[in-house]
C-alpha atoms as a PDB file:
ATOM      1  CA  MET A   1      84.756  84.159  81.378  1.00  0.00           C
ATOM      2  CA  PRO A   2      81.484  84.771  83.623  1.00  0.00           C
ATOM      3  CA  ARG A   3      80.850  87.970  85.087  1.00  0.00           C
ATOM      4  CA  MET A   4      81.888  88.090  88.308  1.00  0.00           C
ATOM      5  CA  PRO A   5      79.670  88.881  91.577  1.00  0.00           C
ATOM      6  CA  VAL A   6      80.910  91.096  94.328  1.00  0.00           C
ATOM      7  CA  VAL A   7      81.305  90.300  97.626  1.00  0.00           C
ATOM      8  CA  PHE A   8      81.225  92.039 101.069  1.00  0.00           C
ATOM      9  CA  VAL A   9      82.694  90.242 104.036  1.00  0.00           C
ATOM     10  CA  SER A  10      82.468  91.358 107.599  1.00  0.00           C
ATOM     11  CA  HIS A  11      86.075  90.289 108.849  1.00  0.00           C
ATOM     12  CA  GLY A  12      85.400  90.400 112.418  1.00  0.00           C
ATOM     13  CA  SER A  13      88.282  89.899 115.055  1.00  0.00           C
ATOM     14  CA  PRO A  14      91.770  89.094 113.622  1.00  0.00           C
ATOM     15  CA  MET A  15      91.149  85.813 115.631  1.00  0.00           C
ATOM     16  CA  THR A  16      88.640  84.567 112.881  1.00  0.00           C
ATOM     17  CA  ALA A  17      91.603  83.764 111.058  1.00  0.00           C
ATOM     18  CA  LEU A  18      92.088  80.893 113.761  1.00  0.00           C
ATOM     19  CA  GLN A  19      88.606  79.967 114.967  1.00  0.00           C
ATOM     20  CA  GLU A  20      87.016  76.987 113.595  1.00  0.00           C
ATOM     21  CA  ASP A  21      83.163  77.936 113.474  1.00  0.00           C
ATOM     22  CA  ASP A  22      79.823  78.349 111.320  1.00  0.00           C
ATOM     23  CA  TYR A  23      81.477  81.292 110.108  1.00  0.00           C
ATOM     24  CA  ALA A  24      84.718  80.390 109.064  1.00  0.00           C
ATOM     25  CA  GLU A  25      82.547  77.048 107.241  1.00  0.00           C
ATOM     26  CA  ALA A  26      80.359  79.639 105.661  1.00  0.00           C
ATOM     27  CA  LEU A  27      83.468  81.421 104.027  1.00  0.00           C
ATOM     28  CA  ARG A  28      85.147  78.192 103.086  1.00  0.00           C
ATOM     29  CA  SER A  29      81.674  77.330 101.302  1.00  0.00           C
ATOM     30  CA  ALA A  30      81.623  80.430  99.644  1.00  0.00           C
ATOM     31  CA  GLY A  31      84.745  80.173  98.180  1.00  0.00           C
ATOM     32  CA  ARG A  32      83.816  77.114  96.563  1.00  0.00           C
ATOM     33  CA  ARG A  33      80.436  78.232  95.186  1.00  0.00           C
ATOM     34  CA  LEU A  34      82.019  81.359  93.745  1.00  0.00           C
ATOM     35  CA  PRO A  35      83.185  81.389  90.334  1.00  0.00           C
ATOM     36  CA  ARG A  36      86.973  81.028  90.187  1.00  0.00           C
ATOM     37  CA  PRO A  37      88.398  84.571  89.709  1.00  0.00           C
ATOM     38  CA  ARG A  38      91.496  85.294  87.682  1.00  0.00           C
ATOM     39  CA  ALA A  39      92.283  87.576  90.466  1.00  0.00           C
ATOM     40  CA  ILE A  40      90.892  89.485  93.386  1.00  0.00           C
ATOM     41  CA  VAL A  41      90.857  92.872  94.352  1.00  0.00           C
ATOM     42  CA  VAL A  42      89.993  94.023  98.166  1.00  0.00           C
ATOM     43  CA  VAL A  43      88.854  97.093  99.493  1.00  0.00           C
ATOM     44  CA  SER A  44      89.770  97.119 102.956  1.00  0.00           C
ATOM     45  CA  ALA A  45      88.569  98.987 106.123  1.00  0.00           C
ATOM     46  CA  HIS A  46      91.898  98.987 107.477  1.00  0.00           C
ATOM     47  CA  TRP A  47      93.604 101.315 104.859  1.00  0.00           C
ATOM     48  CA  GLU A  48      92.468 104.605 104.676  1.00  0.00           C
ATOM     49  CA  SER A  49      94.002 107.117 102.573  1.00  0.00           C
ATOM     50  CA  GLY A  50      93.353 110.060 100.427  1.00  0.00           C
ATOM     51  CA  PRO A  51      92.970 111.638  98.721  1.00  0.00           C
ATOM     52  CA  PRO A  52      94.281 110.251  96.315  1.00  0.00           C
ATOM     53  CA  LEU A  53      93.199 106.645  97.080  1.00  0.00           C
ATOM     54  CA  ARG A  54      96.112 104.094  96.898  1.00  0.00           C
ATOM     55  CA  VAL A  55      96.272 100.589  95.297  1.00  0.00           C
ATOM     56  CA  THR A  56      98.879  97.857  96.247  1.00  0.00           C
ATOM     57  CA  GLY A  57     101.580  97.524  93.218  1.00  0.00           C
ATOM     58  CA  ALA A  58     103.928  95.043  94.691  1.00  0.00           C
ATOM     59  CA  ALA A  59     104.545  91.895  92.703  1.00  0.00           C
ATOM     60  CA  ARG A  60     104.728  89.719  95.898  1.00  0.00           C
ATOM     61  CA  PRO A  61     103.065  91.962  98.659  1.00  0.00           C
ATOM     62  CA  ASP A  62     104.104  91.393 102.235  1.00  0.00           C
ATOM     63  CA  LEU A  63     101.451  90.854 105.234  1.00  0.00           C
ATOM     64  CA  VAL A  64     100.687  93.596 107.534  1.00  0.00           C
ATOM     65  CA  TYR A  65     100.069  92.468 111.104  1.00  0.00           C
ATOM     66  CA  ASP A  66      98.006  95.644 111.945  1.00  0.00           C
ATOM     67  CA  PHE A  67      96.862  94.536 115.398  1.00  0.00           C
ATOM     68  CA  SER A  68      98.174  93.908 119.008  1.00  0.00           C
ATOM     69  CA  GLY A  69      97.378  91.985 122.081  1.00  0.00           C
ATOM     70  CA  PHE A  70      96.502  88.612 120.106  1.00  0.00           C
ATOM     71  CA  PRO A  71      98.268  85.375 120.573  1.00  0.00           C
ATOM     72  CA  ASP A  72     101.655  85.089 118.648  1.00  0.00           C
ATOM     73  CA  GLU A  73     100.183  82.285 116.477  1.00  0.00           C
ATOM     74  CA  LEU A  74      98.327  85.168 114.520  1.00  0.00           C
ATOM     75  CA  HIS A  75     101.737  86.611 113.566  1.00  0.00           C
ATOM     76  CA  ARG A  76     102.931  83.443 112.145  1.00  0.00           C
ATOM     77  CA  LEU A  77      99.985  82.946 109.582  1.00  0.00           C
ATOM     78  CA  THR A  78     100.958  83.439 106.110  1.00  0.00           C
ATOM     79  CA  TYR A  79      99.113  84.091 102.970  1.00  0.00           C
ATOM     80  CA  PRO A  80     101.625  84.242 100.038  1.00  0.00           C
ATOM     81  CA  ALA A  81      99.307  85.306  97.165  1.00  0.00           C
ATOM     82  CA  PRO A  82     101.048  87.030  94.487  1.00  0.00           C
ATOM     83  CA  GLY A  83     100.183  90.675  93.268  1.00  0.00           C
ATOM     84  CA  GLU A  84      99.276  91.962  89.970  1.00  0.00           C
ATOM     85  CA  PRO A  85     101.246  95.342  89.207  1.00  0.00           C
ATOM     86  CA  ASP A  86      99.516  95.644  85.809  1.00  0.00           C
ATOM     87  CA  LEU A  87      96.025  95.364  87.138  1.00  0.00           C
ATOM     88  CA  ALA A  88      97.146  97.767  90.028  1.00  0.00           C
ATOM     89  CA  ARG A  89      98.077 100.286  87.615  1.00  0.00           C
ATOM     90  CA  ARG A  90      94.887 100.161  85.695  1.00  0.00           C
ATOM     91  CA  ILE A  91      92.725 100.350  88.750  1.00  0.00           C
ATOM     92  CA  ALA A  92      94.693 103.345  89.874  1.00  0.00           C
ATOM     93  CA  SER A  93      94.169 105.022  86.430  1.00  0.00           C
ATOM     94  CA  ARG A  94      90.419 104.318  86.766  1.00  0.00           C
ATOM     95  CA  LEU A  95      90.231 106.103  90.241  1.00  0.00           C
ATOM     96  CA  SER A  96      92.966 108.715  89.791  1.00  0.00           C
ATOM     97  CA  ALA A  97      94.793 106.953  92.522  1.00  0.00           C
ATOM     98  CA  ARG A  98      98.199 106.156  93.501  1.00  0.00           C
ATOM     99  CA  VAL A  99     100.203 102.936  93.257  1.00  0.00           C
ATOM    100  CA  ASP A 100     101.919 102.210  96.522  1.00  0.00           C
ATOM    101  CA  GLU A 101     104.715  99.473  95.940  1.00  0.00           C
ATOM    102  CA  GLY A 102     105.513  99.276  99.529  1.00  0.00           C
ATOM    103  CA  ARG A 103     102.279  98.898 101.085  1.00  0.00           C
ATOM    104  CA  GLY A 104     101.330  94.881 102.006  1.00  0.00           C
ATOM    105  CA  LEU A 105      98.366  93.168 102.543  1.00  0.00           C
ATOM    106  CA  ASP A 106      96.450  94.181 106.149  1.00  0.00           C
ATOM    107  CA  HIS A 107      94.268  91.754 107.975  1.00  0.00           C
ATOM    108  CA  GLY A 108      91.185  93.030 106.448  1.00  0.00           C
ATOM    109  CA  VAL A 109      92.615  91.477 103.200  1.00  0.00           C
ATOM    110  CA  TRP A 110      94.491  88.440 104.354  1.00  0.00           C
ATOM    111  CA  VAL A 111      92.200  86.997 107.142  1.00  0.00           C
ATOM    112  CA  PRO A 112      88.971  86.501 104.887  1.00  0.00           C
ATOM    113  CA  LEU A 113      90.934  85.507 101.960  1.00  0.00           C
ATOM    114  CA  ARG A 114      92.542  82.716 104.091  1.00  0.00           C
ATOM    115  CA  ARG A 115      89.075  81.156 104.315  1.00  0.00           C
ATOM    116  CA  LEU A 116      87.596  82.035 100.861  1.00  0.00           C
ATOM    117  CA  PHE A 117      90.688  80.993  98.869  1.00  0.00           C
ATOM    118  CA  PRO A 118      93.107  79.289 101.159  1.00  0.00           C
ATOM    119  CA  ALA A 119      95.286  78.191  98.606  1.00  0.00           C
ATOM    120  CA  ALA A 120      96.780  81.557  98.167  1.00  0.00           C
ATOM    121  CA  ASP A 121      97.256  80.986  94.159  1.00  0.00           C
ATOM    122  CA  LEU A 122      95.349  83.796  92.890  1.00  0.00           C
ATOM    123  CA  PRO A 123      96.717  87.476  92.536  1.00  0.00           C
ATOM    124  CA  VAL A 124      95.535  90.203  95.079  1.00  0.00           C
ATOM    125  CA  VAL A 125      95.510  93.812  94.811  1.00  0.00           C
ATOM    126  CA  ALA A 126      94.232  95.941  97.732  1.00  0.00           C
ATOM    127  CA  VAL A 127      92.690  99.317  97.533  1.00  0.00           C
ATOM    128  CA  SER A 128      92.303 101.747 100.106  1.00  0.00           C
ATOM    129  CA  ILE A 129      88.913 103.513 101.174  1.00  0.00           C
ATOM    130  CA  GLY A 130      88.954 107.419 101.053  1.00  0.00           C
ATOM    131  CA  ARG A 131      89.412 109.142 104.485  1.00  0.00           C
ATOM    132  CA  ARG A 132      86.408 111.338 105.635  1.00  0.00           C
ATOM    133  CA  THR A 133      84.779 110.557 102.325  1.00  0.00           C
ATOM    134  CA  PRO A 134      81.071 110.937 101.849  1.00  0.00           C
ATOM    135  CA  PRO A 135      78.928 107.750 101.085  1.00  0.00           C
ATOM    136  CA  ALA A 136      78.099 108.768  97.604  1.00  0.00           C
ATOM    137  CA  GLU A 137      81.949 108.961  96.728  1.00  0.00           C
ATOM    138  CA  HIS A 138      82.029 105.362  98.025  1.00  0.00           C
ATOM    139  CA  LEU A 139      79.363 104.124  95.882  1.00  0.00           C
ATOM    140  CA  ALA A 140      80.913 106.060  93.053  1.00  0.00           C
ATOM    141  CA  THR A 141      84.314 104.103  93.691  1.00  0.00           C
ATOM    142  CA  GLY A 142      82.454 101.049  93.428  1.00  0.00           C
ATOM    143  CA  GLU A 143      80.896 101.980  90.013  1.00  0.00           C
ATOM    144  CA  ALA A 144      84.376 102.783  88.954  1.00  0.00           C
ATOM    145  CA  LEU A 145      85.570  99.430  89.811  1.00  0.00           C
ATOM    146  CA  GLY A 146      82.541  97.664  88.170  1.00  0.00           C
ATOM    147  CA  PHE A 147      84.697  96.959  84.893  1.00  0.00           C
ATOM    148  CA  LEU A 148      86.647  94.406  86.906  1.00  0.00           C
ATOM    149  CA  ARG A 149      83.450  91.965  87.124  1.00  0.00           C
ATOM    150  CA  GLU A 150      83.594  91.878  83.280  1.00  0.00           C
ATOM    151  CA  GLU A 151      87.304  90.826  83.371  1.00  0.00           C
ATOM    152  CA  GLY A 152      86.996  87.920  85.745  1.00  0.00           C
ATOM    153  CA  VAL A 153      88.162  89.829  88.806  1.00  0.00           C
ATOM    154  CA  LEU A 154      86.438  89.352  92.274  1.00  0.00           C
ATOM    155  CA  LEU A 155      85.952  92.692  94.034  1.00  0.00           C
ATOM    156  CA  VAL A 156      85.722  92.021  97.657  1.00  0.00           C
ATOM    157  CA  GLY A 157      84.862  94.955 100.410  1.00  0.00           C
ATOM    158  CA  SER A 158      86.045  93.982 103.733  1.00  0.00           C
ATOM    159  CA  GLY A 159      84.647  95.718 106.861  1.00  0.00           C
ATOM    160  CA  GLY A 160      81.678  95.224 108.952  1.00  0.00           C
ATOM    161  CA  VAL A 161      78.013  96.140 109.217  1.00  0.00           C
ATOM    162  CA  VAL A 162      77.811  96.949 112.967  1.00  0.00           C
ATOM    163  CA  HIS A 163      81.332  97.706 114.217  1.00  0.00           C
ATOM    164  CA  ASN A 164      81.847  99.703 117.765  1.00  0.00           C
ATOM    165  CA  LEU A 165      84.754  98.668 119.583  1.00  0.00           C
ATOM    166  CA  GLY A 166      83.586 100.685 122.460  1.00  0.00           C
ATOM    167  CA  ARG A 167      80.338  98.690 123.180  1.00  0.00           C
ATOM    168  CA  VAL A 168      81.816  95.108 122.294  1.00  0.00           C
ATOM    169  CA  ASP A 169      81.928  92.349 124.919  1.00  0.00           C
ATOM    170  CA  PHE A 170      85.485  91.375 124.414  1.00  0.00           C
ATOM    171  CA  GLU A 171      85.166  88.807 127.274  1.00  0.00           C
ATOM    172  CA  ASP A 172      82.112  86.771 125.702  1.00  0.00           C
ATOM    173  CA  ALA A 173      82.037  86.134 121.865  1.00  0.00           C
ATOM    174  CA  SER A 174      78.529  84.375 122.293  1.00  0.00           C
ATOM    175  CA  ALA A 175      76.970  87.183 124.409  1.00  0.00           C
ATOM    176  CA  PRO A 176      73.232  88.017 123.683  1.00  0.00           C
ATOM    177  CA  VAL A 177      73.054  90.115 120.900  1.00  0.00           C
ATOM    178  CA  ASP A 178      72.200  93.905 121.595  1.00  0.00           C
ATOM    179  CA  GLY A 179      69.178  95.203 120.388  1.00  0.00           C
ATOM    180  CA  TRP A 180      70.292  98.278 118.761  1.00  0.00           C
ATOM    181  CA  ALA A 181      72.898  96.148 116.735  1.00  0.00           C
ATOM    182  CA  ARG A 182      70.284  93.916 115.476  1.00  0.00           C
ATOM    183  CA  GLU A 183      68.111  96.644 114.376  1.00  0.00           C
ATOM    184  CA  PHE A 184      70.294  98.219 112.286  1.00  0.00           C
ATOM    185  CA  ASP A 185      71.743  95.149 110.964  1.00  0.00           C
ATOM    186  CA  ASP A 186      68.229  94.000 109.819  1.00  0.00           C
ATOM    187  CA  TRP A 187      67.494  97.591 108.540  1.00  0.00           C
ATOM    188  CA  VAL A 188      70.803  97.228 106.001  1.00  0.00           C
ATOM    189  CA  ARG A 189      69.887  93.767 105.109  1.00  0.00           C
ATOM    190  CA  ALA A 190      66.251  95.048 104.124  1.00  0.00           C
ATOM    191  CA  ARG A 191      67.853  97.800 102.110  1.00  0.00           C
ATOM    192  CA  LEU A 192      69.962  95.664 100.162  1.00  0.00           C
ATOM    193  CA  GLU A 193      67.392  93.096  99.526  1.00  0.00           C
ATOM    194  CA  ARG A 194      64.970  96.050  98.140  1.00  0.00           C
ATOM    195  CA  GLY A 195      67.883  97.551  96.302  1.00  0.00           C
ATOM    196  CA  GLU A 196      67.433 100.852  98.350  1.00  0.00           C
ATOM    197  CA  VAL A 197      70.982 102.255  97.212  1.00  0.00           C
ATOM    198  CA  ASP A 198      69.657 105.852  98.050  1.00  0.00           C
ATOM    199  CA  ARG A 199      68.564 105.114 101.320  1.00  0.00           C
ATOM    200  CA  LEU A 200      71.948 103.400 102.079  1.00  0.00           C
ATOM    201  CA  ARG A 201      73.495 106.426 101.042  1.00  0.00           C
ATOM    202  CA  GLU A 202      71.676 108.481 103.658  1.00  0.00           C
ATOM    203  CA  TYR A 203      71.988 105.613 106.567  1.00  0.00           C
ATOM    204  CA  ARG A 204      73.402 108.127 108.999  1.00  0.00           C
ATOM    205  CA  HIS A 205      69.765 110.020 108.855  1.00  0.00           C
ATOM    206  CA  GLN A 206      67.451 106.891 108.045  1.00  0.00           C
ATOM    207  CA  ALA A 207      68.877 103.815 109.770  1.00  0.00           C
ATOM    208  CA  PRO A 208      68.033 103.153 113.427  1.00  0.00           C
ATOM    209  CA  HIS A 209      70.813 103.263 115.922  1.00  0.00           C
ATOM    210  CA  ALA A 210      73.316 104.635 113.186  1.00  0.00           C
ATOM    211  CA  ASP A 211      75.459 106.460 115.671  1.00  0.00           C
ATOM    212  CA  ARG A 212      75.734 103.485 117.566  1.00  0.00           C
ATOM    213  CA  ALA A 213      76.327 101.162 115.042  1.00  0.00           C
ATOM    214  CA  VAL A 214      78.771 103.071 112.848  1.00  0.00           C
ATOM    215  CA  PRO A 215      80.561 105.595 115.199  1.00  0.00           C
ATOM    216  CA  THR A 216      83.271 105.798 112.532  1.00  0.00           C
ATOM    217  CA  SER A 217      82.384 104.825 109.153  1.00  0.00           C
ATOM    218  CA  GLU A 218      85.683 103.038 107.754  1.00  0.00           C
ATOM    219  CA  HIS A 219      84.298  99.344 108.161  1.00  0.00           C
ATOM    220  CA  PHE A 220      80.933 100.202 106.725  1.00  0.00           C
ATOM    221  CA  ASP A 221      82.483 102.253 103.645  1.00  0.00           C
ATOM    222  CA  PRO A 222      83.522  98.988 102.010  1.00  0.00           C
ATOM    223  CA  LEU A 223      80.178  97.698 101.909  1.00  0.00           C
ATOM    224  CA  LEU A 224      78.950 100.833 100.163  1.00  0.00           C
ATOM    225  CA  VAL A 225      81.851 100.283  97.591  1.00  0.00           C
ATOM    226  CA  THR A 226      80.335  96.877  96.990  1.00  0.00           C
ATOM    227  CA  VAL A 227      76.875  98.201  96.386  1.00  0.00           C
ATOM    228  CA  GLY A 228      78.390 100.630  94.137  1.00  0.00           C
ATOM    229  CA  ALA A 229      79.969  97.692  91.856  1.00  0.00           C
ATOM    230  CA  GLY A 230      77.167  95.710  92.367  1.00  0.00           C
ATOM    231  CA  GLY A 231      74.884  97.360  89.912  1.00  0.00           C
ATOM    232  CA  GLY A 232      71.423  96.431  91.475  1.00  0.00           C
ATOM    233  CA  GLY A 233      72.058  92.458  91.246  1.00  0.00           C
ATOM    234  CA  ARG A 234      70.583  90.222  93.489  1.00  0.00           C
ATOM    235  CA  VAL A 235      71.678  89.784  96.920  1.00  0.00           C
ATOM    236  CA  VAL A 236      72.952  86.359  98.113  1.00  0.00           C
ATOM    237  CA  ASP A 237      73.456  86.131 101.927  1.00  0.00           C
ATOM    238  CA  LEU A 238      76.762  84.246 102.818  1.00  0.00           C
ATOM    239  CA  TYR A 239      76.625  84.471 106.780  1.00  0.00           C
ATOM    240  CA  ALA A 240      74.562  86.307 109.420  1.00  0.00           C
ATOM    241  CA  GLY A 241      75.296  86.415 113.048  1.00  0.00           C
ATOM    242  CA  PHE A 242      77.004  88.283 115.748  1.00  0.00           C
ATOM    243  CA  ARG A 243      79.869  87.968 117.899  1.00  0.00           C
ATOM    244  CA  HIS A 244      80.799  89.718 121.087  1.00  0.00           C
ATOM    245  CA  ALA A 245      77.231  91.163 121.686  1.00  0.00           C
ATOM    246  CA  ASN A 246      77.236  93.547 118.700  1.00  0.00           C
ATOM    247  CA  LEU A 247      79.784  92.828 116.299  1.00  0.00           C
ATOM    248  CA  SER A 248      77.962  91.604 113.012  1.00  0.00           C
ATOM    249  CA  MET A 249      79.439  89.407 110.740  1.00  0.00           C
ATOM    250  CA  ARG A 250      76.993  89.728 108.135  1.00  0.00           C
ATOM    251  CA  SER A 251      78.488  88.958 105.019  1.00  0.00           C
ATOM    252  CA  PHE A 252      77.115  88.555 101.321  1.00  0.00           C
ATOM    253  CA  TRP A 253      77.338  88.690  97.644  1.00  0.00           C
ATOM    254  CA  ILE A 254      75.609  90.558  95.002  1.00  0.00           C
ATOM    255  CA  GLU A 255      75.175  88.712  91.769  1.00  0.00           C
END
């Protein structure tokens, strides 16, 4: 079985589950291009916990519709992927985490997976991100999950490079991109391209407009987990662009 890449997806609004655009097609294309995994592990911005971290352990995980104010159609979407309790227990052991058999898959998991792997026929396990955890620990979590790559398991970080809902233009998805958001997004892409993990770890102090782009870290943290698991591999762009003036949809994988 080939060594799997690791993927980071900016999942954007829950509406990306319904909208047909270039982002949706980019994720579909990536799902066809990636080696077919035997299972998928997703680290989602929408599940903060700890310490300790938590791992979904249900054999048939439910979906969590963790949003409001959106069309009812979103609440009717399904993604009936199985879980894999044995894999969940092994991950929990590696991370000194706790298996949570009652936790379902939040929209940071099932929304991008519906595009990447629409058949929902691959086992899915979700892993939480550490609450109020420094960047170095997220990188270390990624390193600890690197063993999955050798076992045909695809690790996906699901969050967002620029995510500040206080500055989003909710009325116009195609609004002109704010300069501060583009500068931060470009800075992150350059650091990824050059393998400058130390600078990514210090993004709060080194990146332009970091406080505006990442007012709270939960959407950026899965990127750091992805980088930690990536082991300095080559970065392949999956999608680059913005919605609603400053919501970055940048997505990529690391070979």
